[in-house]
Amino acid sequence: ISSIASAAAVEVPGVAGMAQRPADIRGIIGSAAARAVRVLNND
């Protein structure tokens, strides 16, 4: 879901790129997309 959101965001005119979000354990371990998008997901 982070990868999908990241790809959609960088396609918008005016967006220079993704930025790193405030650090948490997923942000440190995850991919570049996971470091730029936080997902809160339930059913």
PDB file of all heavy atoms in Angstrom:
ATOM      1  N   ILE A   1       0.840  -1.201   0.000  1.00  0.00           N
ATOM      2  CA  ILE A   1       0.000   0.000   0.000  1.00  0.00           C
ATOM      3  C   ILE A   1       0.875   1.251   0.000  1.00  0.00           C
ATOM      4  O   ILE A   1       0.593   2.218  -0.708  1.00  0.00           O
ATOM      5  CB  ILE A   1      -0.968  -0.018   1.202  1.00  0.00           C
ATOM      6  CG1 ILE A   1      -1.962  -1.182   1.051  1.00  0.00           C
ATOM      7  CG2 ILE A   1      -1.726   1.300   1.307  1.00  0.00           C
ATOM      8  CD1 ILE A   1      -2.816  -1.431   2.258  1.00  0.00           C
ATOM      9  N   SER A   2       1.979   1.232   0.745  1.00  0.00           N
ATOM     10  CA  SER A   2       2.916   2.363   0.756  1.00  0.00           C
ATOM     11  C   SER A   2       3.514   2.595  -0.617  1.00  0.00           C
ATOM     12  O   SER A   2       3.648   3.745  -1.055  1.00  0.00           O
ATOM     13  CB  SER A   2       4.059   2.106   1.751  1.00  0.00           C
ATOM     14  OG  SER A   2       3.587   2.051   3.056  1.00  0.00           O
ATOM     15  N   SER A   3       3.864   1.532  -1.304  1.00  0.00           N
ATOM     16  CA  SER A   3       4.442   1.657  -2.646  1.00  0.00           C
ATOM     17  C   SER A   3       3.440   2.253  -3.627  1.00  0.00           C
ATOM     18  O   SER A   3       3.797   3.097  -4.449  1.00  0.00           O
ATOM     19  CB  SER A   3       4.901   0.295  -3.156  1.00  0.00           C
ATOM     20  OG  SER A   3       5.942  -0.196  -2.366  1.00  0.00           O
ATOM     21  N   ILE A   4       2.199   1.818  -3.553  1.00  0.00           N
ATOM     22  CA  ILE A   4       1.148   2.357  -4.424  1.00  0.00           C
ATOM     23  C   ILE A   4       0.959   3.845  -4.159  1.00  0.00           C
ATOM     24  O   ILE A   4       0.905   4.659  -5.083  1.00  0.00           O
ATOM     25  CB  ILE A   4      -0.170   1.589  -4.220  1.00  0.00           C
ATOM     26  CG1 ILE A   4      -0.031   0.145  -4.682  1.00  0.00           C
ATOM     27  CG2 ILE A   4      -1.323   2.286  -4.953  1.00  0.00           C
ATOM     28  CD1 ILE A   4      -1.179  -0.755  -4.243  1.00  0.00           C
ATOM     29  N   ALA A   5       0.862   4.204  -2.885  1.00  0.00           N
ATOM     30  CA  ALA A   5       0.645   5.605  -2.514  1.00  0.00           C
ATOM     31  C   ALA A   5       1.829   6.477  -2.923  1.00  0.00           C
ATOM     32  O   ALA A   5       1.653   7.591  -3.428  1.00  0.00           O
ATOM     33  CB  ALA A   5       0.404   5.715  -1.008  1.00  0.00           C
ATOM     34  N   SER A   6       3.027   5.974  -2.731  1.00  0.00           N
ATOM     35  CA  SER A   6       4.228   6.720  -3.083  1.00  0.00           C
ATOM     36  C   SER A   6       4.302   6.956  -4.594  1.00  0.00           C
ATOM     37  O   SER A   6       4.603   8.064  -5.047  1.00  0.00           O
ATOM     38  CB  SER A   6       5.464   5.957  -2.603  1.00  0.00           C
ATOM     39  OG  SER A   6       6.630   6.655  -2.920  1.00  0.00           O
ATOM     40  N   ALA A   7       4.011   5.934  -5.373  1.00  0.00           N
ATOM     41  CA  ALA A   7       4.040   6.057  -6.833  1.00  0.00           C
ATOM     42  C   ALA A   7       2.994   7.063  -7.317  1.00  0.00           C
ATOM     43  O   ALA A   7       3.257   7.846  -8.234  1.00  0.00           O
ATOM     44  CB  ALA A   7       3.812   4.698  -7.478  1.00  0.00           C
ATOM     45  N   ALA A   8       1.829   7.057  -6.711  1.00  0.00           N
ATOM     46  CA  ALA A   8       0.775   7.993  -7.103  1.00  0.00           C
ATOM     47  C   ALA A   8       1.143   9.424  -6.719  1.00  0.00           C
ATOM     48  O   ALA A   8       0.874  10.364  -7.475  1.00  0.00           O
ATOM     49  CB  ALA A   8      -0.545   7.595  -6.444  1.00  0.00           C
ATOM     50  N   ALA A   9       1.770   9.604  -5.572  1.00  0.00           N
ATOM     51  CA  ALA A   9       2.114  10.952  -5.103  1.00  0.00           C
ATOM     52  C   ALA A   9       3.187  11.614  -5.967  1.00  0.00           C
ATOM     53  O   ALA A   9       3.086  12.797  -6.281  1.00  0.00           O
ATOM     54  CB  ALA A   9       2.573  10.901  -3.647  1.00  0.00           C
ATOM     55  N   VAL A  10       4.197  10.868  -6.385  1.00  0.00           N
ATOM     56  CA  VAL A  10       5.284  11.482  -7.157  1.00  0.00           C
ATOM     57  C   VAL A  10       4.852  11.837  -8.575  1.00  0.00           C
ATOM     58  O   VAL A  10       5.525  12.621  -9.240  1.00  0.00           O
ATOM     59  CB  VAL A  10       6.565  10.614  -7.198  1.00  0.00           C
ATOM     60  CG1 VAL A  10       7.157  10.464  -5.818  1.00  0.00           C
ATOM     61  CG2 VAL A  10       6.314   9.277  -7.834  1.00  0.00           C
ATOM     62  N   GLU A  11       3.731  11.293  -9.035  1.00  0.00           N
ATOM     63  CA  GLU A  11       3.211  11.628 -10.365  1.00  0.00           C
ATOM     64  C   GLU A  11       2.503  12.981 -10.397  1.00  0.00           C
ATOM     65  O   GLU A  11       2.247  13.515 -11.473  1.00  0.00           O
ATOM     66  CB  GLU A  11       2.254  10.537 -10.836  1.00  0.00           C
ATOM     67  CG  GLU A  11       2.915   9.201 -11.085  1.00  0.00           C
ATOM     68  CD  GLU A  11       3.900   9.253 -12.240  1.00  0.00           C
ATOM     69  OE1 GLU A  11       3.598   9.891 -13.260  1.00  0.00           O
ATOM     70  OE2 GLU A  11       4.982   8.641 -12.097  1.00  0.00           O
ATOM     71  N   VAL A  12       2.190  13.535  -9.241  1.00  0.00           N
ATOM     72  CA  VAL A  12       1.458  14.800  -9.176  1.00  0.00           C
ATOM     73  C   VAL A  12       2.407  15.946  -9.516  1.00  0.00           C
ATOM     74  O   VAL A  12       3.495  16.045  -8.936  1.00  0.00           O
ATOM     75  CB  VAL A  12       0.835  14.998  -7.768  1.00  0.00           C
ATOM     76  CG1 VAL A  12       0.201  16.368  -7.629  1.00  0.00           C
ATOM     77  CG2 VAL A  12      -0.184  13.907  -7.489  1.00  0.00           C
ATOM     78  N   PRO A  13       2.008  16.839 -10.438  1.00  0.00           N
ATOM     79  CA  PRO A  13       2.848  18.002 -10.750  1.00  0.00           C
ATOM     80  C   PRO A  13       3.063  18.869  -9.511  1.00  0.00           C
ATOM     81  O   PRO A  13       2.131  19.136  -8.756  1.00  0.00           O
ATOM     82  CB  PRO A  13       2.030  18.762 -11.800  1.00  0.00           C
ATOM     83  CG  PRO A  13       1.084  17.756 -12.366  1.00  0.00           C
ATOM     84  CD  PRO A  13       0.810  16.780 -11.265  1.00  0.00           C
ATOM     85  N   GLY A  14       4.291  19.277  -9.286  1.00  0.00           N
ATOM     86  CA  GLY A  14       4.633  20.089  -8.122  1.00  0.00           C
ATOM     87  C   GLY A  14       5.316  19.300  -7.022  1.00  0.00           C
ATOM     88  O   GLY A  14       5.923  19.875  -6.130  1.00  0.00           O
ATOM     89  N   VAL A  15       5.230  17.974  -7.073  1.00  0.00           N
ATOM     90  CA  VAL A  15       5.894  17.131  -6.070  1.00  0.00           C
ATOM     91  C   VAL A  15       7.310  16.844  -6.549  1.00  0.00           C
ATOM     92  O   VAL A  15       7.512  16.297  -7.630  1.00  0.00           O
ATOM     93  CB  VAL A  15       5.124  15.809  -5.835  1.00  0.00           C
ATOM     94  CG1 VAL A  15       5.890  14.892  -4.887  1.00  0.00           C
ATOM     95  CG2 VAL A  15       3.737  16.092  -5.290  1.00  0.00           C
ATOM     96  N   ALA A  16       8.296  17.242  -5.741  1.00  0.00           N
ATOM     97  CA  ALA A  16       9.701  17.009  -6.086  1.00  0.00           C
ATOM     98  C   ALA A  16      10.116  15.586  -5.748  1.00  0.00           C
ATOM     99  O   ALA A  16      11.014  15.036  -6.368  1.00  0.00           O
ATOM    100  CB  ALA A  16      10.594  18.008  -5.355  1.00  0.00           C
ATOM    101  N   GLY A  17       9.491  14.992  -4.762  1.00  0.00           N
ATOM    102  CA  GLY A  17       9.823  13.633  -4.356  1.00  0.00           C
ATOM    103  C   GLY A  17       9.243  13.340  -2.993  1.00  0.00           C
ATOM    104  O   GLY A  17       8.601  14.174  -2.365  1.00  0.00           O
ATOM    105  N   MET A  18       9.499  12.126  -2.541  1.00  0.00           N
ATOM    106  CA  MET A  18       9.007  11.712  -1.237  1.00  0.00           C
ATOM    107  C   MET A  18      10.011  12.118  -0.168  1.00  0.00           C
ATOM    108  O   MET A  18      11.207  12.229  -0.434  1.00  0.00           O
ATOM    109  CB  MET A  18       8.791  10.199  -1.211  1.00  0.00           C
ATOM    110  CG  MET A  18       7.819   9.697  -2.275  1.00  0.00           C
ATOM    111  SD  MET A  18       6.199  10.508  -2.240  1.00  0.00           S
ATOM    112  CE  MET A  18       5.519   9.827  -0.740  1.00  0.00           C
ATOM    113  N   ALA A  19       9.525  12.349   1.033  1.00  0.00           N
ATOM    114  CA  ALA A  19      10.374  12.747   2.154  1.00  0.00           C
ATOM    115  C   ALA A  19      10.301  11.673   3.228  1.00  0.00           C
ATOM    116  O   ALA A  19       9.336  10.908   3.307  1.00  0.00           O
ATOM    117  CB  ALA A  19       9.907  14.080   2.721  1.00  0.00           C
ATOM    118  N   GLN A  20      11.309  11.615   4.048  1.00  0.00           N
ATOM    119  CA  GLN A  20      11.313  10.633   5.126  1.00  0.00           C
ATOM    120  C   GLN A  20      10.427  11.114   6.261  1.00  0.00           C
ATOM    121  O   GLN A  20      10.500  12.256   6.689  1.00  0.00           O
ATOM    122  CB  GLN A  20      12.728  10.403   5.635  1.00  0.00           C
ATOM    123  CG  GLN A  20      12.807   9.250   6.607  1.00  0.00           C
ATOM    124  CD  GLN A  20      14.220   8.743   6.773  1.00  0.00           C
ATOM    125  OE1 GLN A  20      15.084   9.071   5.992  1.00  0.00           O
ATOM    126  NE2 GLN A  20      14.426   7.956   7.790  1.00  0.00           N
ATOM    127  N   ARG A  21       9.597  10.213   6.748  1.00  0.00           N
ATOM    128  CA  ARG A  21       8.705  10.547   7.856  1.00  0.00           C
ATOM    129  C   ARG A  21       9.450  10.431   9.177  1.00  0.00           C
ATOM    130  O   ARG A  21      10.542   9.863   9.226  1.00  0.00           O
ATOM    131  CB  ARG A  21       7.478   9.649   7.839  1.00  0.00           C
ATOM    132  CG  ARG A  21       7.760   8.180   8.023  1.00  0.00           C
ATOM    133  CD  ARG A  21       6.458   7.407   7.839  1.00  0.00           C
ATOM    134  NE  ARG A  21       6.688   6.001   7.733  1.00  0.00           N
ATOM    135  CZ  ARG A  21       6.423   5.133   8.700  1.00  0.00           C
ATOM    136  NH1 ARG A  21       5.933   5.552   9.834  1.00  0.00           N
ATOM    137  NH2 ARG A  21       6.641   3.863   8.534  1.00  0.00           N
ATOM    138  N   PRO A  22       8.864  10.956  10.242  1.00  0.00           N
ATOM    139  CA  PRO A  22       9.504  10.811  11.555  1.00  0.00           C
ATOM    140  C   PRO A  22       9.785   9.353  11.857  1.00  0.00           C
ATOM    141  O   PRO A  22       8.997   8.472  11.517  1.00  0.00           O
ATOM    142  CB  PRO A  22       8.459  11.386  12.520  1.00  0.00           C
ATOM    143  CG  PRO A  22       7.648  12.315  11.692  1.00  0.00           C
ATOM    144  CD  PRO A  22       7.637  11.732  10.300  1.00  0.00           C
ATOM    145  N   ALA A  23      10.901   9.097  12.474  1.00  0.00           N
ATOM    146  CA  ALA A  23      11.402   7.728  12.665  1.00  0.00           C
ATOM    147  C   ALA A  23      10.523   6.919  13.606  1.00  0.00           C
ATOM    148  O   ALA A  23      10.064   7.394  14.636  1.00  0.00           O
ATOM    149  CB  ALA A  23      12.814   7.756  13.201  1.00  0.00           C
ATOM    150  N   ASP A  24      10.279   5.694  13.201  1.00  0.00           N
ATOM    151  CA  ASP A  24       9.735   4.645  14.044  1.00  0.00           C
ATOM    152  C   ASP A  24      10.357   3.350  13.541  1.00  0.00           C
ATOM    153  O   ASP A  24      11.138   3.363  12.593  1.00  0.00           O
ATOM    154  CB  ASP A  24       8.204   4.620  14.041  1.00  0.00           C
ATOM    155  CG  ASP A  24       7.601   4.311  12.680  1.00  0.00           C
ATOM    156  OD1 ASP A  24       8.362   4.144  11.709  1.00  0.00           O
ATOM    157  OD2 ASP A  24       6.366   4.241  12.585  1.00  0.00           O
ATOM    158  N   ILE A  25      10.054   2.250  14.147  1.00  0.00           N
ATOM    159  CA  ILE A  25      10.737   1.005  13.810  1.00  0.00           C
ATOM    160  C   ILE A  25      10.476   0.589  12.368  1.00  0.00           C
ATOM    161  O   ILE A  25      11.374   0.128  11.682  1.00  0.00           O
ATOM    162  CB  ILE A  25      10.383  -0.135  14.798  1.00  0.00           C
ATOM    163  CG1 ILE A  25      11.327  -1.320  14.608  1.00  0.00           C
ATOM    164  CG2 ILE A  25       8.949  -0.569  14.632  1.00  0.00           C
ATOM    165  CD1 ILE A  25      12.740  -1.045  14.996  1.00  0.00           C
ATOM    166  N   ARG A  26       9.265   0.783  11.856  1.00  0.00           N
ATOM    167  CA  ARG A  26       8.980   0.431  10.466  1.00  0.00           C
ATOM    168  C   ARG A  26       9.699   1.366   9.503  1.00  0.00           C
ATOM    169  O   ARG A  26      10.094   0.960   8.430  1.00  0.00           O
ATOM    170  CB  ARG A  26       7.485   0.470  10.194  1.00  0.00           C
ATOM    171  CG  ARG A  26       6.761  -0.674  10.819  1.00  0.00           C
ATOM    172  CD  ARG A  26       5.332  -0.677  10.405  1.00  0.00           C
ATOM    173  NE  ARG A  26       4.630  -1.745  11.088  1.00  0.00           N
ATOM    174  CZ  ARG A  26       3.341  -1.864  11.091  1.00  0.00           C
ATOM    175  NH1 ARG A  26       2.600  -1.018  10.451  1.00  0.00           N
ATOM    176  NH2 ARG A  26       2.772  -2.852  11.732  1.00  0.00           N
ATOM    177  N   GLY A  27       9.821   2.620   9.888  1.00  0.00           N
ATOM    178  CA  GLY A  27      10.514   3.579   9.035  1.00  0.00           C
ATOM    179  C   GLY A  27      11.996   3.298   8.926  1.00  0.00           C
ATOM    180  O   GLY A  27      12.620   3.589   7.912  1.00  0.00           O
ATOM    181  N   ILE A  28      12.576   2.709   9.950  1.00  0.00           N
ATOM    182  CA  ILE A  28      14.003   2.389   9.934  1.00  0.00           C
ATOM    183  C   ILE A  28      14.261   1.129   9.116  1.00  0.00           C
ATOM    184  O   ILE A  28      15.192   1.068   8.327  1.00  0.00           O
ATOM    185  CB  ILE A  28      14.517   2.205  11.376  1.00  0.00           C
ATOM    186  CG1 ILE A  28      14.446   3.541  12.120  1.00  0.00           C
ATOM    187  CG2 ILE A  28      15.932   1.652  11.385  1.00  0.00           C
ATOM    188  CD1 ILE A  28      14.672   3.417  13.605  1.00  0.00           C
ATOM    189  N   ILE A  29      13.414   0.138   9.269  1.00  0.00           N
ATOM    190  CA  ILE A  29      13.633  -1.158   8.638  1.00  0.00           C
ATOM    191  C   ILE A  29      13.083  -1.210   7.214  1.00  0.00           C
ATOM    192  O   ILE A  29      13.672  -1.838   6.355  1.00  0.00           O
ATOM    193  CB  ILE A  29      12.990  -2.273   9.493  1.00  0.00           C
ATOM    194  CG1 ILE A  29      13.686  -2.342  10.837  1.00  0.00           C
ATOM    195  CG2 ILE A  29      13.057  -3.613   8.786  1.00  0.00           C
ATOM    196  CD1 ILE A  29      13.022  -3.262  11.826  1.00  0.00           C
ATOM    197  N   GLY A  30      11.985  -0.545   6.936  1.00  0.00           N
ATOM    198  CA  GLY A  30      11.278  -0.710   5.683  1.00  0.00           C
ATOM    199  C   GLY A  30      11.957  -0.131   4.461  1.00  0.00           C
ATOM    200  O   GLY A  30      13.042   0.434   4.517  1.00  0.00           O
ATOM    201  N   SER A  31      11.283  -0.261   3.329  1.00  0.00           N
ATOM    202  CA  SER A  31      11.773   0.254   2.057  1.00  0.00           C
ATOM    203  C   SER A  31      11.631   1.773   2.012  1.00  0.00           C
ATOM    204  O   SER A  31      11.094   2.385   2.926  1.00  0.00           O
ATOM    205  CB  SER A  31      10.973  -0.369   0.913  1.00  0.00           C
ATOM    206  OG  SER A  31       9.634   0.111   0.961  1.00  0.00           O
ATOM    207  N   ALA A  32      12.090   2.378   0.914  1.00  0.00           N
ATOM    208  CA  ALA A  32      11.995   3.828   0.757  1.00  0.00           C
ATOM    209  C   ALA A  32      10.537   4.284   0.774  1.00  0.00           C
ATOM    210  O   ALA A  32      10.211   5.310   1.360  1.00  0.00           O
ATOM    211  CB  ALA A  32      12.683   4.260  -0.532  1.00  0.00           C
ATOM    212  N   ALA A  33       9.654   3.528   0.130  1.00  0.00           N
ATOM    213  CA  ALA A  33       8.235   3.888   0.125  1.00  0.00           C
ATOM    214  C   ALA A  33       7.653   3.812   1.532  1.00  0.00           C
ATOM    215  O   ALA A  33       6.860   4.653   1.929  1.00  0.00           O
ATOM    216  CB  ALA A  33       7.458   2.970  -0.813  1.00  0.00           C
ATOM    217  N   ALA A  34       8.052   2.808   2.303  1.00  0.00           N
ATOM    218  CA  ALA A  34       7.554   2.663   3.668  1.00  0.00           C
ATOM    219  C   ALA A  34       8.070   3.779   4.569  1.00  0.00           C
ATOM    220  O   ALA A  34       7.438   4.121   5.557  1.00  0.00           O
ATOM    221  CB  ALA A  34       7.945   1.304   4.241  1.00  0.00           C
ATOM    222  N   ARG A  35       9.227   4.341   4.232  1.00  0.00           N
ATOM    223  CA  ARG A  35       9.756   5.444   5.024  1.00  0.00           C
ATOM    224  C   ARG A  35       9.069   6.765   4.692  1.00  0.00           C
ATOM    225  O   ARG A  35       9.186   7.717   5.438  1.00  0.00           O
ATOM    226  CB  ARG A  35      11.258   5.579   4.807  1.00  0.00           C
ATOM    227  CG  ARG A  35      12.040   4.458   5.456  1.00  0.00           C
ATOM    228  CD  ARG A  35      13.521   4.730   5.447  1.00  0.00           C
ATOM    229  NE  ARG A  35      14.077   4.783   4.103  1.00  0.00           N
ATOM    230  CZ  ARG A  35      14.649   3.774   3.476  1.00  0.00           C
ATOM    231  NH1 ARG A  35      14.737   2.617   4.078  1.00  0.00           N
ATOM    232  NH2 ARG A  35      15.134   3.921   2.269  1.00  0.00           N
ATOM    233  N   ALA A  36       8.346   6.839   3.559  1.00  0.00           N
ATOM    234  CA  ALA A  36       7.692   8.071   3.137  1.00  0.00           C
ATOM    235  C   ALA A  36       6.178   8.053   3.335  1.00  0.00           C
ATOM    236  O   ALA A  36       5.541   9.085   3.256  1.00  0.00           O
ATOM    237  CB  ALA A  36       8.007   8.344   1.673  1.00  0.00           C
ATOM    238  N   VAL A  37       5.612   6.889   3.595  1.00  0.00           N
ATOM    239  CA  VAL A  37       4.164   6.754   3.758  1.00  0.00           C
ATOM    240  C   VAL A  37       3.886   5.892   4.976  1.00  0.00           C
ATOM    241  O   VAL A  37       4.451   4.824   5.131  1.00  0.00           O
ATOM    242  CB  VAL A  37       3.520   6.099   2.510  1.00  0.00           C
ATOM    243  CG1 VAL A  37       2.020   5.938   2.711  1.00  0.00           C
ATOM    244  CG2 VAL A  37       3.812   6.900   1.255  1.00  0.00           C
ATOM    245  N   ARG A  38       3.003   6.378   5.859  1.00  0.00           N
ATOM    246  CA  ARG A  38       2.583   5.573   7.005  1.00  0.00           C
ATOM    247  C   ARG A  38       1.170   5.079   6.728  1.00  0.00           C
ATOM    248  O   ARG A  38       0.303   5.852   6.323  1.00  0.00           O
ATOM    249  CB  ARG A  38       2.613   6.386   8.296  1.00  0.00           C
ATOM    250  CG  ARG A  38       2.174   5.554   9.493  1.00  0.00           C
ATOM    251  CD  ARG A  38       2.372   6.226  10.812  1.00  0.00           C
ATOM    252  NE  ARG A  38       1.858   7.590  10.793  1.00  0.00           N
ATOM    253  CZ  ARG A  38       2.200   8.510  11.667  1.00  0.00           C
ATOM    254  NH1 ARG A  38       3.051   8.242  12.611  1.00  0.00           N
ATOM    255  NH2 ARG A  38       1.685   9.719  11.580  1.00  0.00           N
ATOM    256  N   VAL A  39       0.951   3.809   6.940  1.00  0.00           N
ATOM    257  CA  VAL A  39      -0.340   3.188   6.660  1.00  0.00           C
ATOM    258  C   VAL A  39      -0.932   2.681   7.964  1.00  0.00           C
ATOM    259  O   VAL A  39      -0.302   1.917   8.684  1.00  0.00           O
ATOM    260  CB  VAL A  39      -0.179   1.998   5.676  1.00  0.00           C
ATOM    261  CG1 VAL A  39      -1.522   1.339   5.419  1.00  0.00           C
ATOM    262  CG2 VAL A  39       0.472   2.446   4.388  1.00  0.00           C
ATOM    263  N   LEU A  40      -2.142   3.124   8.262  1.00  0.00           N
ATOM    264  CA  LEU A  40      -2.913   2.588   9.381  1.00  0.00           C
ATOM    265  C   LEU A  40      -4.078   1.845   8.739  1.00  0.00           C
ATOM    266  O   LEU A  40      -4.939   2.448   8.106  1.00  0.00           O
ATOM    267  CB  LEU A  40      -3.412   3.709  10.297  1.00  0.00           C
ATOM    268  CG  LEU A  40      -2.320   4.578  10.905  1.00  0.00           C
ATOM    269  CD1 LEU A  40      -2.914   5.759  11.651  1.00  0.00           C
ATOM    270  CD2 LEU A  40      -1.455   3.748  11.835  1.00  0.00           C
ATOM    271  N   ASN A  41      -4.074   0.530   8.892  1.00  0.00           N
ATOM    272  CA  ASN A  41      -4.949  -0.329   8.115  1.00  0.00           C
ATOM    273  C   ASN A  41      -5.734  -1.254   9.038  1.00  0.00           C
ATOM    274  O   ASN A  41      -5.172  -1.894   9.897  1.00  0.00           O
ATOM    275  CB  ASN A  41      -4.053  -1.145   7.165  1.00  0.00           C
ATOM    276  CG  ASN A  41      -4.797  -1.803   6.066  1.00  0.00           C
ATOM    277  OD1 ASN A  41      -5.956  -1.499   5.818  1.00  0.00           O
ATOM    278  ND2 ASN A  41      -4.143  -2.723   5.401  1.00  0.00           N
ATOM    279  N   ASN A  42      -7.050  -1.311   8.843  1.00  0.00           N
ATOM    280  CA  ASN A  42      -7.848  -2.331   9.521  1.00  0.00           C
ATOM    281  C   ASN A  42      -8.894  -2.852   8.537  1.00  0.00           C
ATOM    282  O   ASN A  42      -8.852  -2.524   7.349  1.00  0.00           O
ATOM    283  CB  ASN A  42      -8.467  -1.801  10.825  1.00  0.00           C
ATOM    284  CG  ASN A  42      -9.425  -0.658  10.620  1.00  0.00           C
ATOM    285  OD1 ASN A  42     -10.115  -0.594   9.610  1.00  0.00           O
ATOM    286  ND2 ASN A  42      -9.484   0.244  11.584  1.00  0.00           N
ATOM    287  N   ASP A  43      -9.836  -3.647   8.993  1.00  0.00           N
ATOM    288  CA  ASP A  43     -10.782  -4.296   8.085  1.00  0.00           C
ATOM    289  C   ASP A  43     -11.678  -3.314   7.341  1.00  0.00           C
ATOM    290  O   ASP A  43     -12.045  -3.560   6.200  1.00  0.00           O
ATOM    291  CB  ASP A  43     -11.654  -5.283   8.859  1.00  0.00           C
ATOM    292  CG  ASP A  43     -10.852  -6.460   9.366  1.00  0.00           C
ATOM    293  OD1 ASP A  43      -9.793  -6.745   8.778  1.00  0.00           O
ATOM    294  OD2 ASP A  43     -11.276  -7.090  10.353  1.00  0.00           O
TER     295      ASP A  43
END
